[in-house]
């Protein structure tokens, strides 16, 4: 079984693929040759199921950025982090944000870590009052 970090990394690639291919979580997950770790699958399904709510929250709290203007990897990470903050309340706030920030630094632009950190912090203030 993968670590939570590895599961989030796999979920990032799958959430990116969901958007790029315009698929549902069910369509994507059944098309995979190798099934993801259960935690990664839960994230992908959760992000897909709550995408409208998550995207509305991202639009509301992002300052000077439209959702469409954000780098695709950042969007995927923000959706994952928002899902975990809003629908996985047992997860520590710092862990959710730190993991997203680390993945942004590894897979996105040089400014993405700061952007993801700031926006997820605002989302946490909204969802975890």
C-alpha atoms as a PDB file:
ATOM      1  CA  UNK A   1       0.000   0.000   0.000  1.00  0.00           C
ATOM      2  CA  UNK A   2       1.254   3.451  -0.908  1.00  0.00           C
ATOM      3  CA  UNK A   3       1.974   6.169   1.623  1.00  0.00           C
ATOM      4  CA  UNK A   4      -0.462   9.067   1.785  1.00  0.00           C
ATOM      5  CA  UNK A   5       2.172  11.184   0.039  1.00  0.00           C
ATOM      6  CA  UNK A   6       2.430   8.684  -2.825  1.00  0.00           C
ATOM      7  CA  UNK A   7      -1.356   8.409  -2.988  1.00  0.00           C
ATOM      8  CA  UNK A   8      -1.681  12.204  -3.258  1.00  0.00           C
ATOM      9  CA  UNK A   9       0.948  12.227  -5.987  1.00  0.00           C
ATOM     10  CA  UNK A  10      -0.975   9.585  -7.939  1.00  0.00           C
ATOM     11  CA  UNK A  11      -4.232  11.456  -7.300  1.00  0.00           C
ATOM     12  CA  UNK A  12      -2.588  14.596  -8.718  1.00  0.00           C
ATOM     13  CA  UNK A  13      -1.762  12.850 -11.974  1.00  0.00           C
ATOM     14  CA  UNK A  14      -5.242  11.329 -12.165  1.00  0.00           C
ATOM     15  CA  UNK A  15      -7.036  14.617 -11.406  1.00  0.00           C
ATOM     16  CA  UNK A  16      -4.902  16.307 -14.045  1.00  0.00           C
ATOM     17  CA  UNK A  17      -5.880  13.570 -16.490  1.00  0.00           C
ATOM     18  CA  UNK A  18      -9.580  13.867 -15.548  1.00  0.00           C
ATOM     19  CA  UNK A  19      -9.586  17.475 -16.639  1.00  0.00           C
ATOM     20  CA  UNK A  20      -7.339  17.051 -19.674  1.00  0.00           C
ATOM     21  CA  UNK A  21      -9.410  14.178 -21.061  1.00  0.00           C
ATOM     22  CA  UNK A  22     -12.802  15.500 -19.938  1.00  0.00           C
ATOM     23  CA  UNK A  23     -13.697  12.231 -18.244  1.00  0.00           C
ATOM     24  CA  UNK A  24     -15.578  11.296 -15.104  1.00  0.00           C
ATOM     25  CA  UNK A  25     -13.784   9.554 -12.264  1.00  0.00           C
ATOM     26  CA  UNK A  26     -15.577   6.290 -13.077  1.00  0.00           C
ATOM     27  CA  UNK A  27     -14.552   6.438 -16.744  1.00  0.00           C
ATOM     28  CA  UNK A  28     -10.942   7.205 -15.904  1.00  0.00           C
ATOM     29  CA  UNK A  29     -10.575   4.692 -13.093  1.00  0.00           C
ATOM     30  CA  UNK A  30     -12.064   1.828 -15.073  1.00  0.00           C
ATOM     31  CA  UNK A  31      -9.759   2.583 -18.013  1.00  0.00           C
ATOM     32  CA  UNK A  32      -6.570   2.228 -15.954  1.00  0.00           C
ATOM     33  CA  UNK A  33      -4.360  -0.819 -16.386  1.00  0.00           C
ATOM     34  CA  UNK A  34      -3.287  -0.544 -12.733  1.00  0.00           C
ATOM     35  CA  UNK A  35      -5.798   0.555 -10.123  1.00  0.00           C
ATOM     36  CA  UNK A  36      -4.644   3.348  -7.832  1.00  0.00           C
ATOM     37  CA  UNK A  37      -4.195   3.013  -4.092  1.00  0.00           C
ATOM     38  CA  UNK A  38      -7.550   3.230  -2.258  1.00  0.00           C
ATOM     39  CA  UNK A  39      -6.699   6.658  -0.822  1.00  0.00           C
ATOM     40  CA  UNK A  40      -5.795   8.036  -4.264  1.00  0.00           C
ATOM     41  CA  UNK A  41      -9.043   6.630  -5.647  1.00  0.00           C
ATOM     42  CA  UNK A  42     -11.028   8.213  -2.817  1.00  0.00           C
ATOM     43  CA  UNK A  43      -9.453  11.604  -3.578  1.00  0.00           C
ATOM     44  CA  UNK A  44     -10.153  11.342  -7.313  1.00  0.00           C
ATOM     45  CA  UNK A  45     -13.756  10.316  -6.727  1.00  0.00           C
ATOM     46  CA  UNK A  46     -14.225  13.031  -4.100  1.00  0.00           C
ATOM     47  CA  UNK A  47     -12.782  15.756  -6.302  1.00  0.00           C
ATOM     48  CA  UNK A  48     -14.975  14.629  -9.197  1.00  0.00           C
ATOM     49  CA  UNK A  49     -18.109  14.383  -7.054  1.00  0.00           C
ATOM     50  CA  UNK A  50     -17.635  17.812  -5.448  1.00  0.00           C
ATOM     51  CA  UNK A  51     -16.000  19.598  -8.382  1.00  0.00           C
ATOM     52  CA  UNK A  52     -18.688  22.261  -8.800  1.00  0.00           C
ATOM     53  CA  UNK A  53     -18.560  23.186  -5.111  1.00  0.00           C
ATOM     54  CA  UNK A  54     -14.766  23.137  -5.065  1.00  0.00           C
ATOM     55  CA  UNK A  55     -14.457  25.238  -8.224  1.00  0.00           C
ATOM     56  CA  UNK A  56     -16.983  27.760  -6.878  1.00  0.00           C
ATOM     57  CA  UNK A  57     -14.881  28.066  -3.728  1.00  0.00           C
ATOM     58  CA  UNK A  58     -11.676  28.487  -5.732  1.00  0.00           C
ATOM     59  CA  UNK A  59     -13.284  31.188  -7.865  1.00  0.00           C
ATOM     60  CA  UNK A  60     -14.590  32.982  -4.796  1.00  0.00           C
ATOM     61  CA  UNK A  61     -11.300  32.983  -2.868  1.00  0.00           C
ATOM     62  CA  UNK A  62      -8.659  33.368  -5.571  1.00  0.00           C
ATOM     63  CA  UNK A  63      -7.551  36.949  -5.863  1.00  0.00           C
ATOM     64  CA  UNK A  64      -6.882  38.278  -9.368  1.00  0.00           C
ATOM     65  CA  UNK A  65      -6.893  34.774 -10.870  1.00  0.00           C
ATOM     66  CA  UNK A  66      -9.612  33.071 -12.828  1.00  0.00           C
ATOM     67  CA  UNK A  67      -9.759  29.317 -12.449  1.00  0.00           C
ATOM     68  CA  UNK A  68      -9.055  28.908 -16.159  1.00  0.00           C
ATOM     69  CA  UNK A  69      -5.905  31.053 -15.929  1.00  0.00           C
ATOM     70  CA  UNK A  70      -4.319  28.921 -13.214  1.00  0.00           C
ATOM     71  CA  UNK A  71      -1.791  26.322 -14.319  1.00  0.00           C
ATOM     72  CA  UNK A  72      -3.514  22.947 -14.709  1.00  0.00           C
ATOM     73  CA  UNK A  73      -1.307  21.285 -12.087  1.00  0.00           C
ATOM     74  CA  UNK A  74      -2.137  24.053  -9.603  1.00  0.00           C
ATOM     75  CA  UNK A  75      -5.844  23.604 -10.317  1.00  0.00           C
ATOM     76  CA  UNK A  76      -5.575  19.875  -9.674  1.00  0.00           C
ATOM     77  CA  UNK A  77      -3.647  20.421  -6.437  1.00  0.00           C
ATOM     78  CA  UNK A  78      -6.074  23.083  -5.257  1.00  0.00           C
ATOM     79  CA  UNK A  79      -9.009  20.787  -5.966  1.00  0.00           C
ATOM     80  CA  UNK A  80      -7.347  17.955  -4.044  1.00  0.00           C
ATOM     81  CA  UNK A  81      -6.460  20.206  -1.118  1.00  0.00           C
ATOM     82  CA  UNK A  82      -9.937  21.738  -1.076  1.00  0.00           C
ATOM     83  CA  UNK A  83     -11.536  18.300  -1.104  1.00  0.00           C
ATOM     84  CA  UNK A  84      -9.355  17.128   1.778  1.00  0.00           C
ATOM     85  CA  UNK A  85     -10.010  20.314   3.775  1.00  0.00           C
ATOM     86  CA  UNK A  86     -13.747  20.263   3.208  1.00  0.00           C
ATOM     87  CA  UNK A  87     -14.652  16.588   3.113  1.00  0.00           C
ATOM     88  CA  UNK A  88     -11.893  14.927   5.141  1.00  0.00           C
ATOM     89  CA  UNK A  89     -12.053  16.898   8.411  1.00  0.00           C
ATOM     90  CA  UNK A  90      -9.972  14.327  10.315  1.00  0.00           C
ATOM     91  CA  UNK A  91      -6.894  15.268   8.260  1.00  0.00           C
ATOM     92  CA  UNK A  92      -4.663  17.839   9.950  1.00  0.00           C
ATOM     93  CA  UNK A  93      -4.840  21.215   8.241  1.00  0.00           C
ATOM     94  CA  UNK A  94      -1.052  21.617   8.140  1.00  0.00           C
ATOM     95  CA  UNK A  95      -0.564  18.210   6.495  1.00  0.00           C
ATOM     96  CA  UNK A  96      -3.052  18.951   3.710  1.00  0.00           C
ATOM     97  CA  UNK A  97      -1.496  22.328   2.916  1.00  0.00           C
ATOM     98  CA  UNK A  98       2.133  21.175   3.287  1.00  0.00           C
ATOM     99  CA  UNK A  99       1.619  18.200   0.967  1.00  0.00           C
ATOM    100  CA  UNK A 100      -0.028  20.371  -1.693  1.00  0.00           C
ATOM    101  CA  UNK A 101       2.738  22.978  -1.427  1.00  0.00           C
ATOM    102  CA  UNK A 102       5.458  20.336  -1.768  1.00  0.00           C
ATOM    103  CA  UNK A 103       3.789  18.791  -4.813  1.00  0.00           C
ATOM    104  CA  UNK A 104       3.371  22.252  -6.372  1.00  0.00           C
ATOM    105  CA  UNK A 105       7.087  22.881  -5.898  1.00  0.00           C
ATOM    106  CA  UNK A 106       7.913  19.558  -7.490  1.00  0.00           C
ATOM    107  CA  UNK A 107       5.493  19.576 -10.437  1.00  0.00           C
ATOM    108  CA  UNK A 108       4.439  23.130 -11.253  1.00  0.00           C
ATOM    109  CA  UNK A 109       5.882  26.607 -11.754  1.00  0.00           C
ATOM    110  CA  UNK A 110       8.419  28.351  -9.523  1.00  0.00           C
ATOM    111  CA  UNK A 111       5.680  30.540  -8.010  1.00  0.00           C
ATOM    112  CA  UNK A 112       3.124  27.778  -7.570  1.00  0.00           C
ATOM    113  CA  UNK A 113       4.134  26.787  -4.037  1.00  0.00           C
ATOM    114  CA  UNK A 114       3.387  30.264  -2.681  1.00  0.00           C
ATOM    115  CA  UNK A 115       0.177  30.531  -4.699  1.00  0.00           C
ATOM    116  CA  UNK A 116      -1.125  27.116  -3.575  1.00  0.00           C
ATOM    117  CA  UNK A 117      -0.161  27.833   0.037  1.00  0.00           C
ATOM    118  CA  UNK A 118      -1.948  31.190   0.101  1.00  0.00           C
ATOM    119  CA  UNK A 119      -5.116  29.972  -1.591  1.00  0.00           C
ATOM    120  CA  UNK A 120      -5.422  26.772   0.466  1.00  0.00           C
ATOM    121  CA  UNK A 121      -4.914  28.840   3.628  1.00  0.00           C
ATOM    122  CA  UNK A 122      -7.867  31.033   2.621  1.00  0.00           C
ATOM    123  CA  UNK A 123      -9.907  27.932   1.794  1.00  0.00           C
ATOM    124  CA  UNK A 124      -9.037  26.409   5.177  1.00  0.00           C
ATOM    125  CA  UNK A 125     -10.252  29.593   6.900  1.00  0.00           C
ATOM    126  CA  UNK A 126     -13.517  29.274   5.007  1.00  0.00           C
ATOM    127  CA  UNK A 127     -14.064  25.527   5.481  1.00  0.00           C
ATOM    128  CA  UNK A 128     -12.566  24.848   8.885  1.00  0.00           C
ATOM    129  CA  UNK A 129     -14.018  27.630  10.986  1.00  0.00           C
END
